[in-house]
Amino acid sequence: MAVAPLAPLTAVAQVSELSIAYNSQTDSDFRKGLQIRLAWTGDYVGAFDGTVDAASLRAIRDFQARHGMTPTGIIDEAMLRLLIARSDEAEEALGMTLVDDAMTGARAPLPLGLVRDFGATEVGNLWRSADDAVEIETVRIADTGQTLRGLFDVLSQPTADRSVSGAEFAGSWFVLRGQESGRAYVMRFAERDGDLRGLSISYTGGEAGRMAPYAAVASNLFDPFAGEPQAPLVAANEANPFSSMLTRKRGVGAPEARYAMAYADPSRPHVFELPGEAGAGDVQPGAQEFDMAGTGFVVSRDGWLLTNAHVVKACRTVLVGDLGAASQTIIDSENDLALIKVDDALGEPLEISAGKPRLGEDILALGYPLRSILADSLNVTRGNVSSLLGLMNDPRYLQISAAVQPGNSGGPLIDLAGRVVGVVTAKLNAVAVADATGDIPQSINFAIRPDAAAAFLNANGIAFEIADPAEPLASVPDTTAEVKDSILPILCVGG
């Protein structure tokens, strides 16, 4: 926005006359820039339409009053320079960046100084702050019969947990604002030829000072149809299947869609268990005692291996095969991922698939299960991808039929081209489920999706290798031979 004082306005007194003067004596780009900058300072929440109306004039006066100026609504050079400085400070503090989201085809302004990419969901992409105080989600709903009006009618209705403080429907788009479980949210959705794309922003009260201005800017600058999506994303035609902001319960003691999740009643058994929870203490006579056993695999040429957080997070020492103790450990407990560093020569890094596997695809789970009972050598089980979602539709996980046991945790899930398409993490506790349902579940296990693993590696600056999607499939023995030297047992001592 250029510095252009409006000298002819000094004699104008009435709001309508001020509006006419601004709209006739300045160009549209100046007026849009004015609205954007006033939004960054927290004084304006309307549309960036380049029309200076009563709301825009009120924002000018509010800015003037807050900075010790006479609130006339008339912009002079001093006020304009201060507005530019303050809005630039707010924008730069958040690391505001326009990001093209390949999953949905949308272009979203993101505060990359505050949030990091948590990877693809079933309907878009998720960015989140380290403390979970801020969540930003792109969404695409296609080929479901859902309409923009129908989605608006559902989401604009308050529920027991969610209030709606602002709802604007404009035919081809809508904006919603409100509170959900103590968090503020802003949503903007647009429709074109039955294709619905949206941006959802959620934040806690402690982040309101910087996030409320960001949300006002982002909801206006969001470009839902900037490009073509990577692949069709189809959501169920339900109330809000896409947004964790509206469906996940937050707060102390609230159950979350996590693996090894207990019932609300802690006296009842876990329905889901981590493959490293049981049997770790059953060591052979004379063997070194350990508290947790798992598997890891090489992901970089400078000594980093990927495994599960639950395998290593409580360890005094992490032992990697016969290479000795790991020198560094990086933990992401929320996504059950961990990186461990070995200062020794390792096998070739396994290549990570850039996309999720196909439903029904053949896969191999490789690891070192029950080493105290079974052989010390690498174990391979074959299965397929049973579902592209995990427990409670958690988009970070896959359901697989390949058998896993204690010790498989952190091992790679490989397709028949040798690409890593997941990280083994959990299985159903058959005894607990049988106790709860009267039926024994079979072949229901879980792996972390490759995009979630890649997001974790990217966030920690790991130079991993992306798999070639055109790599031909091979036999199970050939695929196993290709990757086996890069998969190692992990022992946790003193956890």
Protein backbone atom coordinates (compact mmCIF):
# COMPACT_ATOMS: atom_id res chain seq x y z
CA MET A 1 0.00 0.00 0.00
CA ALA A 2 1.58 3.26 -1.09
CA VAL A 3 1.97 6.22 1.26
CA ALA A 4 -0.56 8.69 -0.17
CA PRO A 5 -2.02 11.27 2.26
CA LEU A 6 -5.54 12.42 1.44
CA ALA A 7 -5.33 16.21 1.75
CA PRO A 8 -8.74 16.99 0.21
CA LEU A 9 -10.47 15.07 3.01
CA THR A 10 -9.55 17.47 5.79
CA ALA A 11 -12.79 19.44 5.48
CA VAL A 12 -15.09 16.42 5.32
CA ALA A 13 -17.13 15.75 8.46
CA GLN A 14 -19.92 13.28 7.79
CA VAL A 15 -19.40 9.51 7.52
CA SER A 16 -21.19 9.29 4.17
CA GLU A 17 -19.10 12.15 2.81
CA LEU A 18 -15.91 10.52 4.11
CA SER A 19 -16.85 7.27 2.41
CA ILE A 20 -17.62 9.03 -0.86
CA ALA A 21 -14.34 10.90 -0.69
CA TYR A 22 -12.26 7.79 -0.03
CA ASN A 23 -14.03 5.75 -2.69
CA SER A 24 -13.81 8.47 -5.33
CA GLN A 25 -10.38 9.98 -4.59
CA THR A 26 -8.28 6.85 -4.01
CA ASP A 27 -7.80 3.78 -6.16
CA SER A 28 -9.14 0.31 -5.33
CA ASP A 29 -5.71 -1.19 -4.54
CA PHE A 30 -5.10 1.52 -1.94
CA ARG A 31 -8.46 0.85 -0.28
CA LYS A 32 -7.95 -2.94 -0.26
CA GLY A 33 -4.47 -2.46 1.16
CA LEU A 34 -5.92 -0.20 3.84
CA GLN A 35 -8.44 -2.88 4.84
CA ILE A 36 -5.76 -5.59 4.95
CA ARG A 37 -3.46 -3.50 7.13
CA LEU A 38 -6.28 -2.55 9.49
CA ALA A 39 -7.13 -6.25 9.78
CA TRP A 40 -3.51 -7.04 10.72
CA THR A 41 -3.66 -4.44 13.51
CA GLY A 42 -6.88 -6.00 14.81
CA ASP A 43 -9.13 -3.06 13.93
CA TYR A 44 -11.04 -4.47 10.95
CA VAL A 45 -12.77 -7.82 10.35
CA GLY A 46 -14.79 -7.20 7.19
CA ALA A 47 -14.30 -8.10 3.56
CA PHE A 48 -11.32 -6.84 1.59
CA ASP A 49 -13.58 -5.43 -1.12
CA GLY A 50 -11.94 -2.03 -1.58
CA THR A 51 -15.07 -0.18 -0.49
CA VAL A 52 -14.59 2.17 2.46
CA ASP A 53 -17.89 1.92 4.31
CA ALA A 54 -18.93 2.58 7.91
CA ALA A 55 -17.02 -0.50 9.18
CA SER A 56 -13.81 0.62 7.46
CA LEU A 57 -14.17 4.15 8.82
CA ARG A 58 -14.77 2.78 12.31
CA ALA A 59 -11.57 0.73 11.98
CA ILE A 60 -9.61 3.84 10.96
CA ARG A 61 -10.95 5.73 13.97
CA ASP A 62 -10.23 2.82 16.32
CA PHE A 63 -6.63 2.66 15.11
CA GLN A 64 -6.26 6.41 15.56
CA ALA A 65 -7.74 6.37 19.06
CA ARG A 66 -5.55 3.44 20.19
CA HIS A 67 -2.43 5.29 19.09
CA GLY A 68 -3.22 8.64 20.72
CA MET A 69 -4.45 10.37 17.56
CA THR A 70 -7.66 12.35 17.18
CA PRO A 71 -10.19 9.78 15.83
CA THR A 72 -11.43 11.79 12.85
CA GLY A 73 -11.36 8.94 10.35
CA ILE A 74 -9.17 11.12 8.12
CA ILE A 75 -5.85 9.56 7.17
CA ASP A 76 -2.74 11.70 7.18
CA GLU A 77 0.80 10.68 6.38
CA ALA A 78 1.81 10.11 10.01
CA MET A 79 -1.11 7.75 10.61
CA LEU A 80 -0.46 5.90 7.36
CA ARG A 81 3.21 5.36 8.14
CA LEU A 82 2.36 4.07 11.63
CA LEU A 83 -0.31 1.74 10.19
CA ILE A 84 2.18 0.29 7.72
CA ALA A 85 4.77 -0.25 10.47
CA ARG A 86 2.34 -1.92 12.89
CA SER A 87 0.74 -4.17 10.28
CA ASP A 88 4.14 -5.23 8.94
CA GLU A 89 5.24 -6.13 12.47
CA ALA A 90 2.14 -8.30 13.03
CA GLU A 91 2.53 -10.09 9.71
CA GLU A 92 6.28 -10.71 10.04
CA ALA A 93 5.94 -11.96 13.63
CA LEU A 94 3.83 -14.88 12.40
CA GLY A 95 5.94 -15.68 9.35
CA MET A 96 2.96 -15.17 7.04
CA THR A 97 3.47 -17.17 3.82
CA LEU A 98 1.18 -18.00 0.91
CA VAL A 99 1.22 -21.78 0.52
CA ASP A 100 -0.13 -23.79 -2.42
CA ASP A 101 -1.74 -26.90 -0.96
CA ALA A 102 -1.36 -29.75 -3.43
CA MET A 103 -3.93 -31.88 -1.59
CA THR A 104 -6.85 -29.51 -2.20
CA GLY A 105 -5.62 -27.14 -4.91
CA ALA A 106 -6.18 -24.16 -2.59
CA ARG A 107 -3.76 -21.34 -1.77
CA ALA A 108 -3.76 -20.48 1.93
CA PRO A 109 -1.95 -17.74 3.88
CA LEU A 110 -0.23 -19.61 6.72
CA PRO A 111 1.67 -18.41 9.83
CA LEU A 112 4.66 -20.69 9.25
CA GLY A 113 6.54 -19.04 12.08
CA LEU A 114 3.98 -20.55 14.43
CA VAL A 115 2.69 -23.78 12.86
CA ARG A 116 4.27 -26.70 11.07
CA ASP A 117 2.94 -29.08 8.46
CA PHE A 118 1.41 -32.21 10.00
CA GLY A 119 0.70 -33.65 6.58
CA ALA A 120 -2.31 -34.80 4.65
CA THR A 121 -5.66 -35.74 6.14
CA GLU A 122 -8.39 -37.64 4.34
CA VAL A 123 -9.85 -34.36 3.11
CA GLY A 124 -6.97 -31.89 2.97
CA ASN A 125 -3.93 -30.90 5.00
CA LEU A 126 -3.28 -29.97 8.62
CA TRP A 127 -0.92 -27.42 10.19
CA ARG A 128 -0.56 -27.19 13.96
CA SER A 129 1.51 -25.33 16.55
CA ALA A 130 3.83 -27.28 18.83
CA ASP A 131 1.55 -26.77 21.84
CA ASP A 132 -1.66 -27.64 19.92
CA ALA A 133 -2.98 -24.13 20.63
CA VAL A 134 -3.39 -23.36 16.92
CA GLU A 135 -4.79 -25.64 14.20
CA ILE A 136 -5.25 -24.72 10.55
CA GLU A 137 -6.83 -27.13 8.11
CA THR A 138 -7.52 -27.07 4.39
CA VAL A 139 -10.54 -29.08 3.31
CA ARG A 140 -11.92 -30.39 0.03
CA ILE A 141 -15.28 -32.17 -0.26
CA ALA A 142 -16.07 -33.51 -3.73
CA ASP A 143 -18.40 -36.00 -5.40
CA THR A 144 -20.63 -36.48 -2.36
CA GLY A 145 -23.72 -34.51 -3.36
CA GLN A 146 -23.00 -32.10 -0.54
CA THR A 147 -23.88 -28.48 -1.40
CA LEU A 148 -22.44 -25.27 -0.03
CA ARG A 149 -25.86 -24.27 1.28
CA GLY A 150 -26.34 -27.65 2.92
CA LEU A 151 -22.94 -27.48 4.58
CA PHE A 152 -23.63 -23.94 5.79
CA ASP A 153 -27.03 -24.92 7.19
CA VAL A 154 -25.42 -27.72 9.22
CA LEU A 155 -22.38 -25.82 10.48
CA SER A 156 -24.24 -22.61 11.29
CA GLN A 157 -26.42 -24.41 13.85
CA PRO A 158 -25.03 -24.17 17.42
CA THR A 159 -24.51 -27.37 19.38
CA ALA A 160 -23.95 -28.10 23.06
CA ASP A 161 -20.20 -27.64 22.56
CA ARG A 162 -20.12 -25.06 19.79
CA SER A 163 -21.47 -21.54 19.55
CA VAL A 164 -21.84 -19.50 16.36
CA SER A 165 -21.17 -15.78 16.74
CA GLY A 166 -21.06 -14.87 13.06
CA ALA A 167 -22.51 -16.53 9.95
CA GLU A 168 -22.42 -14.98 6.48
CA PHE A 169 -23.66 -16.82 3.38
CA ALA A 170 -22.96 -15.10 0.04
CA GLY A 171 -24.14 -17.62 -2.53
CA SER A 172 -20.77 -18.95 -3.71
CA TRP A 173 -19.04 -18.78 -0.31
CA PHE A 174 -19.69 -18.55 3.42
CA VAL A 175 -17.82 -17.55 6.57
CA LEU A 176 -18.53 -18.83 10.09
CA ARG A 177 -17.10 -17.68 13.42
CA GLY A 178 -17.63 -18.87 16.95
CA GLN A 179 -16.33 -20.82 19.94
CA GLU A 180 -15.96 -24.56 20.38
CA SER A 181 -14.85 -26.08 23.70
CA GLY A 182 -13.07 -22.91 24.73
CA ARG A 183 -11.40 -22.35 21.34
CA ALA A 184 -12.23 -19.68 18.78
CA TYR A 185 -12.75 -20.82 15.20
CA VAL A 186 -13.14 -19.21 11.78
CA MET A 187 -14.16 -21.15 8.65
CA ARG A 188 -14.43 -20.06 5.06
CA PHE A 189 -15.84 -22.34 2.34
CA ALA A 190 -16.45 -21.78 -1.36
CA GLU A 191 -18.07 -23.88 -4.10
CA ARG A 192 -17.45 -24.26 -7.81
CA ASP A 193 -19.23 -26.87 -9.94
CA GLY A 194 -20.03 -29.03 -6.91
CA ASP A 195 -16.44 -28.84 -5.61
CA LEU A 196 -16.33 -27.48 -2.02
CA ARG A 197 -13.04 -26.17 -0.65
CA GLY A 198 -12.44 -24.52 2.68
CA LEU A 199 -10.06 -23.18 5.30
CA SER A 200 -10.63 -23.88 9.00
CA ILE A 201 -8.74 -21.98 11.74
CA SER A 202 -8.94 -22.82 15.44
CA TYR A 203 -7.05 -21.35 18.40
CA THR A 204 -7.13 -21.06 22.18
CA GLY A 205 -7.91 -17.87 24.08
CA GLY A 206 -4.25 -17.36 24.87
CA GLU A 207 -3.51 -17.01 21.15
CA ALA A 208 -6.36 -14.59 20.40
CA GLY A 209 -4.12 -11.50 20.40
CA ARG A 210 -2.19 -12.58 17.33
CA MET A 211 -4.51 -15.18 15.81
CA ALA A 212 -7.70 -13.10 15.60
CA PRO A 213 -6.05 -10.60 13.20
CA TYR A 214 -4.47 -13.48 11.26
CA ALA A 215 -7.85 -15.22 10.92
CA ALA A 216 -9.44 -12.02 9.60
CA VAL A 217 -6.70 -11.71 6.98
CA ALA A 218 -6.46 -15.40 6.07
CA SER A 219 -10.21 -15.90 5.61
CA ASN A 220 -10.20 -13.06 3.07
CA LEU A 221 -7.00 -13.93 1.21
CA PHE A 222 -7.74 -17.67 1.05
CA ASP A 223 -7.96 -18.71 -2.63
CA PRO A 224 -9.84 -22.02 -2.76
CA PHE A 225 -9.46 -22.61 -6.51
CA ALA A 226 -5.87 -21.47 -7.09
CA GLY A 227 -4.87 -24.82 -8.60
CA GLU A 228 -5.81 -28.40 -9.26
CA PRO A 229 -5.84 -30.86 -6.32
CA GLN A 230 -3.36 -33.71 -6.15
CA ALA A 231 -6.15 -36.28 -6.17
CA PRO A 232 -9.90 -36.35 -5.56
CA LEU A 233 -10.69 -36.08 -1.88
CA VAL A 234 -14.12 -37.43 -1.03
CA ALA A 235 -15.66 -36.96 2.39
CA ALA A 236 -18.73 -38.73 3.69
CA ASN A 237 -21.89 -36.67 3.34
CA GLU A 238 -22.21 -36.07 7.06
CA ALA A 239 -22.41 -33.06 9.34
CA ASN A 240 -18.70 -32.29 9.83
CA PRO A 241 -16.61 -35.35 9.06
CA PHE A 242 -13.60 -33.29 8.13
CA SER A 243 -12.70 -31.05 11.05
CA SER A 244 -11.02 -32.15 14.24
CA MET A 245 -11.80 -28.65 15.50
CA LEU A 246 -15.49 -29.50 15.64
CA THR A 247 -15.41 -33.19 16.48
CA ARG A 248 -12.49 -33.83 18.83
CA LYS A 249 -13.04 -33.32 22.53
CA ARG A 250 -10.41 -31.30 24.31
CA GLY A 251 -9.64 -30.87 27.96
CA VAL A 252 -8.22 -32.75 30.90
CA GLY A 253 -9.28 -36.36 30.93
CA ALA A 254 -11.00 -36.21 27.53
CA PRO A 255 -10.51 -39.30 25.38
CA GLU A 256 -8.67 -38.73 22.09
CA ALA A 257 -8.28 -40.84 18.98
CA ARG A 258 -4.96 -42.27 20.09
CA TYR A 259 -3.63 -45.79 20.01
CA ALA A 260 -3.17 -47.76 23.19
CA MET A 261 -6.22 -45.75 24.21
CA ALA A 262 -7.88 -46.75 27.48
CA TYR A 263 -11.57 -46.72 28.19
CA ALA A 264 -12.83 -43.67 30.08
CA ASP A 265 -12.96 -46.00 33.07
CA PRO A 266 -9.28 -46.68 33.88
CA SER A 267 -10.21 -49.96 35.58
CA ARG A 268 -11.19 -51.45 32.22
CA PRO A 269 -8.53 -52.95 29.90
CA HIS A 270 -7.07 -51.20 26.89
CA VAL A 271 -8.84 -52.03 23.64
CA PHE A 272 -5.74 -51.00 21.72
CA GLU A 273 -2.23 -51.91 22.70
CA LEU A 274 1.17 -50.98 21.42
CA PRO A 275 3.04 -53.93 19.91
CA GLY A 276 5.91 -53.27 22.31
CA GLU A 277 3.85 -53.22 25.50
CA ALA A 278 3.72 -56.91 26.23
CA GLY A 279 6.41 -59.50 26.60
CA ALA A 280 9.36 -57.13 26.68
CA GLY A 281 10.48 -58.39 30.03
CA ASP A 282 10.49 -62.06 29.02
CA VAL A 283 14.19 -62.20 28.25
CA GLN A 284 16.18 -65.35 27.76
CA PRO A 285 18.46 -66.50 30.58
CA GLY A 286 21.71 -64.63 30.48
CA ALA A 287 20.43 -61.95 28.12
CA GLN A 288 20.64 -58.25 29.00
CA GLU A 289 17.44 -57.07 30.62
CA PHE A 290 15.50 -54.33 28.87
CA ASP A 291 12.22 -52.53 29.31
CA MET A 292 10.97 -52.21 25.73
CA ALA A 293 11.91 -53.78 22.43
CA GLY A 294 11.11 -52.48 18.99
CA THR A 295 12.36 -51.96 15.48
CA GLY A 296 13.83 -49.02 13.58
CA PHE A 297 14.83 -48.38 10.00
CA VAL A 298 17.41 -46.14 8.30
CA VAL A 299 15.99 -42.92 6.81
CA SER A 300 19.10 -40.84 6.06
CA ARG A 301 22.72 -41.22 5.04
CA ASP A 302 23.97 -39.41 8.14
CA GLY A 303 22.84 -42.03 10.65
CA TRP A 304 19.21 -41.35 11.50
CA LEU A 305 16.68 -44.15 12.06
CA LEU A 306 12.92 -43.82 12.43
CA THR A 307 10.93 -45.73 15.06
CA ASN A 308 7.98 -45.25 17.44
CA ALA A 309 8.05 -42.77 20.31
CA HIS A 310 6.61 -45.37 22.70
CA VAL A 311 9.64 -47.60 22.07
CA VAL A 312 12.31 -45.09 23.15
CA LYS A 313 10.75 -42.14 24.98
CA ALA A 314 11.35 -43.42 28.52
CA CYS A 315 14.75 -45.04 27.93
CA ARG A 316 17.89 -44.29 29.87
CA THR A 317 19.83 -45.79 26.95
CA VAL A 318 18.68 -46.76 23.45
CA LEU A 319 20.60 -49.64 21.89
CA VAL A 320 20.53 -50.11 18.12
CA GLY A 321 21.29 -53.69 17.03
CA ASP A 322 24.95 -54.47 17.66
CA LEU A 323 26.00 -50.87 16.92
CA GLY A 324 25.76 -49.71 20.53
CA ALA A 325 23.93 -46.77 22.04
CA ALA A 326 22.19 -44.04 20.07
CA SER A 327 23.80 -40.61 20.44
CA GLN A 328 20.64 -38.51 19.93
CA THR A 329 16.88 -38.99 20.23
CA ILE A 330 14.03 -36.80 18.93
CA ILE A 331 10.52 -37.61 20.19
CA ASP A 332 7.06 -36.74 18.83
CA SER A 333 4.77 -38.42 21.37
CA GLU A 334 1.60 -37.02 19.84
CA ASN A 335 2.19 -38.88 16.57
CA ASP A 336 4.13 -41.79 18.17
CA LEU A 337 7.26 -41.16 16.10
CA ALA A 338 10.89 -40.88 17.11
CA LEU A 339 14.27 -40.37 15.46
CA ILE A 340 17.43 -41.95 16.83
CA LYS A 341 20.97 -41.16 15.69
CA VAL A 342 23.77 -43.70 15.35
CA ASP A 343 27.34 -42.58 14.82
CA ASP A 344 28.26 -45.60 12.75
CA ALA A 345 27.88 -46.96 9.24
CA LEU A 346 24.36 -48.05 8.42
CA GLY A 347 22.55 -49.62 5.50
CA GLU A 348 21.03 -47.66 2.63
CA PRO A 349 18.16 -45.34 3.65
CA LEU A 350 14.74 -46.74 2.85
CA GLU A 351 12.76 -44.55 0.47
CA ILE A 352 9.54 -43.02 1.82
CA SER A 353 6.44 -43.02 -0.36
CA ALA A 354 5.18 -39.52 -1.15
CA GLY A 355 1.54 -40.64 -1.01
CA LYS A 356 -0.58 -43.06 0.94
CA PRO A 357 -0.91 -46.66 -0.32
CA ARG A 358 -4.00 -47.83 -2.12
CA LEU A 359 -6.82 -49.55 -0.28
CA GLY A 360 -6.28 -53.31 -0.54
CA GLU A 361 -2.62 -52.99 -1.57
CA ASP A 362 -0.24 -55.82 -0.64
CA ILE A 363 2.22 -54.84 2.09
CA LEU A 364 4.97 -56.36 4.25
CA ALA A 365 5.56 -55.65 7.95
CA LEU A 366 9.22 -56.16 8.83
CA GLY A 367 10.68 -56.15 12.31
CA TYR A 368 12.07 -58.03 15.29
CA PRO A 369 9.06 -59.34 17.23
CA LEU A 370 9.39 -61.41 20.42
CA ARG A 371 13.18 -61.67 20.14
CA SER A 372 13.33 -63.36 23.53
CA ILE A 373 11.09 -66.17 22.20
CA LEU A 374 11.45 -66.18 18.43
CA ALA A 375 14.62 -65.97 16.35
CA ASP A 376 16.91 -62.94 16.52
CA SER A 377 16.70 -62.52 12.75
CA LEU A 378 14.38 -60.21 10.81
CA ASN A 379 10.75 -61.34 10.69
CA VAL A 380 8.46 -60.68 7.70
CA THR A 381 4.65 -60.92 7.63
CA ARG A 382 2.45 -60.23 4.62
CA GLY A 383 -0.97 -58.60 4.50
CA ASN A 384 -2.85 -55.79 2.87
CA VAL A 385 -4.10 -52.29 3.59
CA SER A 386 -7.52 -52.85 5.17
CA SER A 387 -8.44 -49.19 5.67
CA LEU A 388 -6.94 -45.77 4.96
CA LEU A 389 -8.11 -44.52 8.37
CA GLY A 390 -7.27 -45.58 11.89
CA LEU A 391 -9.18 -45.67 15.15
CA MET A 392 -12.11 -43.23 15.20
CA ASN A 393 -11.29 -42.22 11.61
CA ASP A 394 -7.87 -40.89 12.61
CA PRO A 395 -6.28 -39.82 9.28
CA ARG A 396 -2.71 -40.28 10.53
CA TYR A 397 -3.02 -44.07 10.51
CA LEU A 398 -3.68 -47.05 8.25
CA GLN A 399 -5.35 -50.30 9.25
CA ILE A 400 -3.43 -53.37 8.06
CA SER A 401 -3.98 -57.11 8.13
CA ALA A 402 -0.29 -58.10 8.42
CA ALA A 403 0.34 -59.72 11.80
CA VAL A 404 2.42 -57.72 14.29
CA GLN A 405 3.72 -58.69 17.73
CA PRO A 406 5.64 -57.05 20.59
CA GLY A 407 8.87 -55.85 19.00
CA ASN A 408 7.33 -54.88 15.64
CA SER A 409 6.76 -51.32 16.86
CA GLY A 410 8.61 -48.79 14.72
CA GLY A 411 9.27 -51.23 11.90
CA PRO A 412 8.62 -50.23 8.31
CA LEU A 413 5.53 -51.15 6.35
CA ILE A 414 6.79 -51.87 2.83
CA ASP A 415 4.98 -52.27 -0.48
CA LEU A 416 6.24 -54.76 -3.05
CA ALA A 417 8.35 -52.07 -4.73
CA GLY A 418 10.36 -51.61 -1.52
CA ARG A 419 8.80 -48.23 -0.67
CA VAL A 420 7.98 -47.35 2.94
CA VAL A 421 4.21 -46.85 3.06
CA GLY A 422 3.83 -46.77 6.85
CA VAL A 423 5.39 -47.27 10.28
CA VAL A 424 3.98 -50.13 12.37
CA THR A 425 2.60 -48.72 15.63
CA ALA A 426 -0.33 -50.58 17.24
CA LYS A 427 -2.66 -53.57 17.28
CA LEU A 428 -6.02 -54.43 18.72
CA ASN A 429 -5.96 -56.00 22.18
CA ALA A 430 -7.97 -59.09 21.28
CA VAL A 431 -8.67 -60.03 24.92
CA ALA A 432 -10.07 -56.59 25.77
CA VAL A 433 -12.21 -56.46 22.63
CA ALA A 434 -13.51 -59.97 23.22
CA ASP A 435 -14.37 -58.99 26.77
CA ALA A 436 -16.24 -55.92 25.53
CA THR A 437 -17.98 -57.39 22.47
CA GLY A 438 -18.04 -61.17 22.93
CA ASP A 439 -16.14 -61.62 19.66
CA ILE A 440 -12.41 -62.11 19.00
CA PRO A 441 -11.06 -59.65 16.40
CA GLN A 442 -8.63 -60.93 13.80
CA SER A 443 -5.90 -59.25 11.74
CA ILE A 444 -6.63 -55.68 12.86
CA ASN A 445 -3.39 -53.74 13.25
CA PHE A 446 -2.27 -50.18 12.62
CA ALA A 447 0.55 -48.23 10.98
CA ILE A 448 1.36 -44.53 10.81
CA ARG A 449 0.79 -43.19 7.31
CA PRO A 450 3.83 -42.22 5.20
CA ASP A 451 2.77 -38.57 4.84
CA ALA A 452 2.68 -38.19 8.65
CA ALA A 453 6.14 -39.77 8.88
CA ALA A 454 7.45 -37.50 6.10
CA ALA A 455 6.05 -34.42 7.87
CA PHE A 456 7.93 -35.44 11.04
CA LEU A 457 11.17 -35.94 9.09
CA ASN A 458 10.77 -32.62 7.29
CA ALA A 459 10.07 -30.79 10.54
CA ASN A 460 13.36 -32.04 11.96
CA GLY A 461 15.48 -31.35 8.89
CA ILE A 462 16.15 -35.00 8.02
CA ALA A 463 17.39 -35.48 4.45
CA PHE A 464 15.30 -38.55 3.65
CA GLU A 465 14.75 -40.00 0.19
CA ILE A 466 11.37 -39.92 -1.57
CA ALA A 467 10.41 -43.10 -3.38
CA ASP A 468 9.85 -43.26 -7.12
CA PRO A 469 6.09 -43.88 -7.62
CA ALA A 470 6.88 -45.70 -10.89
CA GLU A 471 9.14 -48.30 -9.26
CA PRO A 472 8.05 -51.76 -10.46
CA LEU A 473 6.71 -54.36 -8.02
CA ALA A 474 8.79 -57.40 -7.13
CA SER A 475 8.36 -60.70 -5.34
CA VAL A 476 8.22 -60.87 -1.54
CA PRO A 477 11.72 -62.49 -1.28
CA ASP A 478 13.27 -59.91 -3.64
CA THR A 479 11.62 -56.99 -1.85
CA THR A 480 12.74 -58.31 1.53
CA ALA A 481 16.32 -58.79 0.31
CA GLU A 482 16.36 -55.19 -0.95
CA VAL A 483 15.43 -53.60 2.39
CA LYS A 484 16.53 -56.03 5.12
CA ASP A 485 19.96 -54.51 5.82
CA SER A 486 18.39 -51.16 6.70
CA ILE A 487 16.06 -52.52 9.42
CA LEU A 488 17.51 -52.92 12.92
CA PRO A 489 16.29 -54.05 16.36
CA ILE A 490 15.91 -51.35 19.01
CA LEU A 491 16.33 -52.06 22.74
CA CYS A 492 15.36 -49.68 25.51
CA VAL A 493 17.43 -50.01 28.68
CA GLY A 494 16.40 -48.47 32.00
CA GLY A 495 12.99 -47.16 30.92
